[in-house]
Amino acid sequence: MSERKVLQKYYPPDFDPSAIGRSRAPQKPGPKVQTVRLMAPFSMKCTTCGEYIYRGRKFNARKETPADERYLSLQIYRFYIRCTRCSAEITFRTDPKNQDYAVERGAKRNTDPWKRGAGDRDEEETDEQRLDRLEREMAEAAGDDSYSKLERNAMEELEAKTADAKREMAVADALDEIRSRNARIARKVAEEDGDIEGVLANIERGGVSKEEQERLRQEREDEEAARRAFAFVRTQEALEEEIVEEEDDNVTTTTEPNGKLNNGSGGNSSSGTTESSAVAATVAETKKTTTTTTTTDMPPPSFKRQVKKKKDHAALLGIKKKPSLV
């Protein structure tokens, strides 16, 4: 009984390893062929027996690499499989142009509804499409580059249309900028001349954008607020000047040697006292009125920290607190 793991091998006494030479078989002519395991890339029907082969069926196939078949420097591979029923040979190859596979012999590809418009579409083609395809194939077979010139002309037309569209967009942007600048200049001229009605009419006609209208409205509100503030300050200054003038005209008092006050007119002290008291009362009323008008309804904010008194929730619930022993 032999060992499961052969650790020692028998070499006869007359064994000469140099007598064994490497024998290389001659290279087979033709394309390179490999045996691979693949799945059917599409559903097909065998033309010999009518057997349907669904997509994803696994086969032991022969992969052939033809050296002279390429598309845009991409290698085209050919596969050979056999029908599962009659063992007829089926051949298909890769199609890099359409990013798909193409059946060559032995089967017919089933219709794929999700691939309409690609691959075998003779039944769905219109007459114009069929004529275009035939003309293109004939031009390619004859080596005529007229069809390529037509395609090149189509690309040139598309590029020209794109350039025209860009040019139109640039012209429209320039026109908008010119219109906005003209409207801004007209508004400035109208403001300098004092023609506010003309500016408003221009706005109503739509000569100014919404942003300009909003900015103009804010400027008008700011100007109105500034005018009111300056008018109020001028009123306050005029009122204070009147009060000071009344005090200078009516309240002119002098001090006698005996220490009594006397007015500038030289009258008795009783009349001077009466007039001074009247003026003082007038000044006090004026100051009170000014203070009343200048004060606001809301009191000034206070940032002083206010400590809230804690509520005795135990007393609200009727719980008596025990006196502390300390």
Protein backbone atom coordinates (compact mmCIF):
# COMPACT_ATOMS: atom_id res chain seq x y z
CA MET A 1 0.00 0.00 0.00
CA SER A 2 1.49 3.33 -1.05
CA GLU A 3 1.79 6.33 1.16
CA ARG A 4 -0.76 9.11 1.08
CA LYS A 5 1.99 11.74 1.08
CA VAL A 6 4.91 10.64 -1.04
CA LEU A 7 8.00 11.75 0.87
CA GLN A 8 10.50 9.40 -0.79
CA LYS A 9 10.80 8.51 -4.44
CA TYR A 10 12.64 5.58 -5.96
CA TYR A 11 15.45 6.29 -8.38
CA PRO A 12 17.01 3.27 -10.07
CA PRO A 13 20.82 2.93 -9.92
CA ASP A 14 21.24 3.52 -13.62
CA PHE A 15 19.13 6.74 -13.65
CA ASP A 16 20.81 9.57 -15.58
CA PRO A 17 18.93 12.93 -15.36
CA SER A 18 21.07 14.50 -18.10
CA ALA A 19 19.67 11.98 -20.54
CA ILE A 20 16.21 13.53 -20.14
CA GLY A 21 15.88 16.56 -22.42
CA ARG A 22 13.11 19.13 -22.70
CA SER A 23 10.88 18.40 -25.64
CA ARG A 24 9.04 21.41 -27.10
CA ALA A 25 6.09 20.76 -29.35
CA PRO A 26 5.85 22.88 -32.47
CA GLN A 27 3.61 25.93 -32.08
CA LYS A 28 0.25 25.45 -33.73
CA PRO A 29 -0.45 27.83 -36.58
CA GLY A 30 -3.51 30.09 -36.44
CA PRO A 31 -5.08 32.11 -33.68
CA LYS A 32 -4.60 31.40 -30.02
CA VAL A 33 -7.29 29.12 -28.53
CA GLN A 34 -8.10 28.73 -24.81
CA THR A 35 -10.71 26.71 -22.93
CA VAL A 36 -12.73 28.98 -20.66
CA ARG A 37 -15.86 28.79 -18.54
CA LEU A 38 -18.47 31.38 -19.45
CA MET A 39 -22.17 32.19 -19.29
CA ALA A 40 -24.34 32.92 -22.29
CA PRO A 41 -24.43 36.75 -22.62
CA PHE A 42 -27.91 36.79 -24.21
CA SER A 43 -30.89 34.55 -24.94
CA MET A 44 -30.68 32.64 -28.20
CA LYS A 45 -32.40 29.90 -30.21
CA CYS A 46 -30.52 27.07 -31.85
CA THR A 47 -31.15 27.02 -35.62
CA THR A 48 -30.57 23.24 -35.82
CA CYS A 49 -33.00 21.87 -33.25
CA GLY A 50 -34.86 24.99 -32.07
CA GLU A 51 -33.68 24.73 -28.46
CA TYR A 52 -33.86 27.95 -26.46
CA ILE A 53 -30.77 28.85 -24.48
CA TYR A 54 -31.45 31.41 -21.79
CA ARG A 55 -29.10 34.12 -20.69
CA GLY A 56 -26.69 33.08 -17.95
CA ARG A 57 -26.42 29.40 -18.96
CA LYS A 58 -22.91 28.14 -18.22
CA PHE A 59 -20.76 26.53 -20.90
CA ASN A 60 -17.25 25.18 -21.34
CA ALA A 61 -16.28 27.26 -24.38
CA ARG A 62 -13.30 27.73 -26.61
CA LYS A 63 -12.01 31.28 -26.69
CA GLU A 64 -10.30 32.31 -29.91
CA THR A 65 -8.12 35.42 -30.25
CA PRO A 66 -7.76 36.35 -33.93
CA ALA A 67 -4.73 38.56 -34.42
CA ASP A 68 -6.06 40.47 -37.43
CA GLU A 69 -9.50 41.39 -36.04
CA ARG A 70 -9.52 44.63 -34.08
CA TYR A 71 -11.78 47.65 -33.65
CA LEU A 72 -9.99 50.92 -32.77
CA SER A 73 -7.09 48.92 -31.33
CA LEU A 74 -9.52 46.82 -29.25
CA GLN A 75 -9.14 43.06 -29.60
CA ILE A 76 -12.18 41.10 -30.79
CA TYR A 77 -12.70 37.66 -29.22
CA ARG A 78 -14.66 34.73 -30.67
CA PHE A 79 -16.34 32.03 -28.56
CA TYR A 80 -17.45 28.51 -29.55
CA ILE A 81 -20.11 26.69 -27.53
CA ARG A 82 -22.37 23.69 -28.24
CA CYS A 83 -26.14 23.40 -28.04
CA THR A 84 -27.36 21.64 -24.89
CA ARG A 85 -29.75 19.46 -26.92
CA CYS A 86 -28.19 18.63 -30.29
CA SER A 87 -24.54 19.57 -29.59
CA ALA A 88 -24.45 21.80 -32.66
CA GLU A 89 -21.68 24.37 -32.62
CA ILE A 90 -22.71 27.98 -31.92
CA THR A 91 -20.32 30.85 -32.53
CA PHE A 92 -20.55 34.44 -31.29
CA ARG A 93 -18.03 37.24 -30.90
CA THR A 94 -17.59 40.49 -29.05
CA ASP A 95 -18.83 43.73 -30.65
CA PRO A 96 -16.92 46.69 -29.16
CA LYS A 97 -18.56 49.14 -31.56
CA ASN A 98 -22.02 48.59 -30.04
CA GLN A 99 -20.72 47.42 -26.64
CA ASP A 100 -22.47 44.08 -27.08
CA TYR A 101 -22.10 40.56 -28.55
CA ALA A 102 -22.95 39.44 -32.09
CA VAL A 103 -24.05 35.93 -33.19
CA GLU A 104 -22.11 34.59 -36.17
CA ARG A 105 -23.41 31.07 -36.77
CA GLY A 106 -25.50 28.24 -35.29
CA ALA A 107 -28.10 30.30 -33.39
CA LYS A 108 -30.44 33.27 -33.66
CA ARG A 109 -30.58 35.92 -30.98
CA ASN A 110 -33.93 36.51 -29.30
CA THR A 111 -35.46 39.99 -29.23
CA ASP A 112 -34.52 42.07 -26.18
CA PRO A 113 -37.28 44.66 -25.52
CA TRP A 114 -34.98 46.75 -23.30
CA LYS A 115 -32.46 47.06 -26.15
CA ARG A 116 -34.72 48.46 -28.82
CA GLY A 117 -32.85 50.73 -31.16
CA ALA A 118 -29.54 48.85 -30.75
CA GLY A 119 -28.08 45.76 -32.41
CA ASP A 120 -30.34 43.89 -34.84
CA ARG A 121 -33.13 46.41 -35.47
CA ASP A 122 -34.08 45.77 -39.09
CA GLU A 123 -37.75 45.31 -38.17
CA GLU A 124 -37.94 48.54 -36.13
CA GLU A 125 -36.03 50.67 -38.65
CA THR A 126 -37.86 53.18 -40.78
CA ASP A 127 -37.24 53.55 -44.50
CA GLU A 128 -35.08 56.65 -44.02
CA GLN A 129 -32.99 54.98 -41.33
CA ARG A 130 -32.51 51.90 -43.49
CA LEU A 131 -31.42 54.03 -46.45
CA ASP A 132 -28.98 55.98 -44.29
CA ARG A 133 -27.53 52.76 -42.88
CA LEU A 134 -27.13 51.23 -46.34
CA GLU A 135 -25.47 54.37 -47.69
CA ARG A 136 -23.08 54.42 -44.74
CA GLU A 137 -22.21 50.75 -45.17
CA MET A 138 -21.65 51.19 -48.89
CA ALA A 139 -19.46 54.24 -48.29
CA GLU A 140 -17.42 52.37 -45.68
CA ALA A 141 -17.03 49.37 -47.98
CA ALA A 142 -15.96 51.54 -50.91
CA GLY A 143 -13.56 53.53 -48.75
CA ASP A 144 -15.35 56.79 -49.55
CA ASP A 145 -15.08 59.46 -46.87
CA SER A 146 -18.13 61.44 -48.02
CA TYR A 147 -20.19 60.15 -45.11
CA SER A 148 -17.45 61.13 -42.69
CA LYS A 149 -17.47 64.58 -44.30
CA LEU A 150 -21.19 64.80 -43.72
CA GLU A 151 -20.72 63.86 -40.07
CA ARG A 152 -17.92 66.43 -39.80
CA ASN A 153 -20.20 69.08 -41.32
CA ALA A 154 -22.90 68.21 -38.80
CA MET A 155 -20.43 68.67 -35.96
CA GLU A 156 -19.32 72.00 -37.41
CA GLU A 157 -22.96 73.14 -37.61
CA LEU A 158 -23.50 72.13 -34.00
CA GLU A 159 -20.42 74.04 -32.89
CA ALA A 160 -21.57 77.10 -34.87
CA LYS A 161 -25.02 76.94 -33.23
CA THR A 162 -23.40 76.72 -29.79
CA ALA A 163 -21.20 79.73 -30.55
CA ASP A 164 -24.23 81.72 -31.78
CA ALA A 165 -26.17 80.89 -28.62
CA LYS A 166 -23.25 82.03 -26.44
CA ARG A 167 -22.95 85.23 -28.47
CA GLU A 168 -26.69 85.96 -28.07
CA MET A 169 -26.46 85.43 -24.31
CA ALA A 170 -23.50 87.82 -24.09
CA VAL A 171 -25.39 90.46 -26.14
CA ALA A 172 -28.47 90.10 -23.90
CA ASP A 173 -26.34 90.55 -20.77
CA ALA A 174 -24.68 93.64 -22.26
CA LEU A 175 -28.09 95.13 -23.14
CA ASP A 176 -29.36 94.55 -19.60
CA GLU A 177 -26.27 96.23 -18.19
CA ILE A 178 -26.70 99.23 -20.52
CA ARG A 179 -30.37 99.59 -19.60
CA SER A 180 -29.65 99.46 -15.87
CA ARG A 181 -26.86 102.04 -16.27
CA ASN A 182 -29.12 104.38 -18.27
CA ALA A 183 -31.87 104.05 -15.67
CA ARG A 184 -29.39 104.80 -12.88
CA ILE A 185 -28.08 107.90 -14.72
CA ALA A 186 -31.63 109.14 -15.38
CA ARG A 187 -32.53 108.68 -11.73
CA LYS A 188 -29.47 110.60 -10.55
CA VAL A 189 -30.24 113.48 -12.95
CA ALA A 190 -33.87 113.56 -11.80
CA GLU A 191 -32.80 113.58 -8.14
CA GLU A 192 -30.39 116.45 -8.77
CA ASP A 193 -33.12 118.43 -10.58
CA GLY A 194 -35.68 117.59 -7.90
CA ASP A 195 -37.97 115.76 -10.32
CA ILE A 196 -39.16 113.01 -7.96
CA GLU A 197 -42.37 112.52 -9.96
CA GLY A 198 -40.34 111.65 -13.03
CA VAL A 199 -38.36 109.07 -11.05
CA LEU A 200 -41.57 107.50 -9.71
CA ALA A 201 -43.07 107.44 -13.21
CA ASN A 202 -39.92 105.75 -14.51
CA ILE A 203 -40.21 103.15 -11.75
CA GLU A 204 -43.88 102.52 -12.59
CA ARG A 205 -43.00 102.05 -16.28
CA GLY A 206 -40.53 99.30 -15.27
CA GLY A 207 -37.37 101.16 -16.19
CA VAL A 208 -35.77 100.27 -12.86
CA SER A 209 -35.29 96.79 -11.46
CA LYS A 210 -36.79 95.59 -8.19
CA GLU A 211 -33.46 95.95 -6.37
CA GLU A 212 -33.19 99.57 -7.49
CA GLN A 213 -36.79 100.24 -6.43
CA GLU A 214 -36.14 98.79 -2.98
CA ARG A 215 -32.94 100.80 -2.60
CA LEU A 216 -34.70 104.02 -3.68
CA ARG A 217 -37.52 103.40 -1.21
CA GLN A 218 -35.04 102.88 1.63
CA GLU A 219 -33.21 106.07 0.67
CA ARG A 220 -36.48 108.03 0.76
CA GLU A 221 -37.33 106.60 4.20
CA ASP A 222 -33.84 107.49 5.50
CA GLU A 223 -34.10 111.03 4.14
CA GLU A 224 -37.53 111.49 5.74
CA ALA A 225 -36.28 110.21 9.11
CA ALA A 226 -33.22 112.48 8.94
CA ARG A 227 -35.39 115.49 8.05
CA ARG A 228 -37.67 114.84 11.01
CA ALA A 229 -34.71 114.44 13.38
CA PHE A 230 -33.06 117.68 12.22
CA ALA A 231 -36.39 119.54 12.44
CA PHE A 232 -36.90 118.34 16.03
CA VAL A 233 -33.35 119.42 16.99
CA ARG A 234 -33.85 122.86 15.43
CA THR A 235 -37.13 123.26 17.31
CA GLN A 236 -35.44 122.39 20.60
CA GLU A 237 -32.59 124.83 19.96
CA ALA A 238 -35.01 127.66 19.06
CA LEU A 239 -37.06 127.00 22.21
CA GLU A 240 -33.97 127.11 24.42
CA GLU A 241 -32.83 130.38 22.78
CA GLU A 242 -36.24 131.96 23.49
CA ILE A 243 -36.09 130.87 27.13
CA VAL A 244 -32.61 132.34 27.57
CA GLU A 245 -33.67 135.65 25.98
CA GLU A 246 -36.72 135.93 28.26
CA GLU A 247 -34.52 135.31 31.30
CA ASP A 248 -32.04 137.99 30.16
CA ASP A 249 -34.79 140.56 29.48
CA ASN A 250 -37.09 140.02 32.46
CA VAL A 251 -34.91 138.58 35.22
CA THR A 252 -32.28 141.35 35.62
CA THR A 253 -31.74 141.80 39.35
CA THR A 254 -29.22 143.82 41.38
CA THR A 255 -28.03 143.55 44.96
CA GLU A 256 -28.46 146.58 47.27
CA PRO A 257 -25.99 147.42 50.01
CA ASN A 258 -28.43 146.21 52.69
CA GLY A 259 -28.56 142.79 51.02
CA LYS A 260 -31.96 143.14 49.38
CA LEU A 261 -32.62 142.25 45.76
CA ASN A 262 -33.77 144.97 43.35
CA ASN A 263 -34.69 144.83 39.64
CA GLY A 264 -32.92 146.82 36.95
CA SER A 265 -35.84 149.28 36.50
CA GLY A 266 -35.39 150.75 39.95
CA GLY A 267 -38.95 149.92 41.21
CA ASN A 268 -39.89 148.65 44.65
CA SER A 269 -38.87 145.24 45.87
CA SER A 270 -42.40 143.88 45.92
CA SER A 271 -42.97 144.50 42.23
CA GLY A 272 -39.51 143.02 41.39
CA THR A 273 -40.27 139.95 43.48
CA THR A 274 -43.62 139.49 41.74
CA GLU A 275 -42.12 139.79 38.27
CA SER A 276 -39.24 137.41 39.09
CA SER A 277 -41.63 134.83 40.49
CA ALA A 278 -43.77 135.05 37.34
CA VAL A 279 -40.75 134.60 35.10
CA ALA A 280 -39.52 131.67 37.21
CA ALA A 281 -42.94 130.05 36.95
CA THR A 282 -42.91 130.52 33.16
CA VAL A 283 -39.44 128.99 32.89
CA ALA A 284 -40.45 126.06 35.06
CA GLU A 285 -43.55 125.40 32.94
CA THR A 286 -41.47 125.63 29.74
CA LYS A 287 -38.88 123.20 31.10
CA LYS A 288 -41.62 120.84 32.26
CA THR A 289 -43.24 120.93 28.80
CA THR A 290 -39.86 120.31 27.11
CA THR A 291 -39.11 117.44 29.47
CA THR A 292 -42.54 115.96 28.87
CA THR A 293 -42.13 116.13 25.09
CA THR A 294 -38.61 114.69 25.13
CA THR A 295 -39.32 111.82 27.51
CA THR A 296 -40.41 108.53 25.99
CA ASP A 297 -43.27 106.35 27.05
CA MET A 298 -41.02 103.38 27.87
CA PRO A 299 -38.77 103.67 30.95
CA PRO A 300 -35.04 103.29 30.38
CA PRO A 301 -33.80 99.71 30.66
CA SER A 302 -32.25 98.69 33.95
CA PHE A 303 -29.47 96.15 34.14
CA LYS A 304 -29.53 95.88 37.91
CA ARG A 305 -29.75 92.34 39.17
CA GLN A 306 -33.05 91.57 40.85
CA VAL A 307 -33.12 88.80 43.42
CA LYS A 308 -36.45 87.00 43.46
CA LYS A 309 -37.85 85.90 46.77
CA LYS A 310 -38.12 82.13 47.09
CA LYS A 311 -41.58 80.70 47.52
CA ASP A 312 -42.29 78.53 50.51
CA HIS A 313 -43.93 75.54 48.81
CA ALA A 314 -44.05 73.61 52.09
CA ALA A 315 -46.28 76.27 53.61
CA LEU A 316 -48.59 76.19 50.55
CA LEU A 317 -48.99 72.41 50.99
CA GLY A 318 -49.63 72.73 54.72
CA ILE A 319 -46.36 71.15 55.80
CA LYS A 320 -44.84 72.60 58.92
CA LYS A 321 -41.12 73.05 58.81
CA LYS A 322 -39.21 71.77 61.80
CA PRO A 323 -37.08 74.35 63.60
CA SER A 324 -33.37 73.96 63.13
CA LEU A 325 -31.41 72.65 66.12
CA VAL A 326 -28.39 74.81 65.40
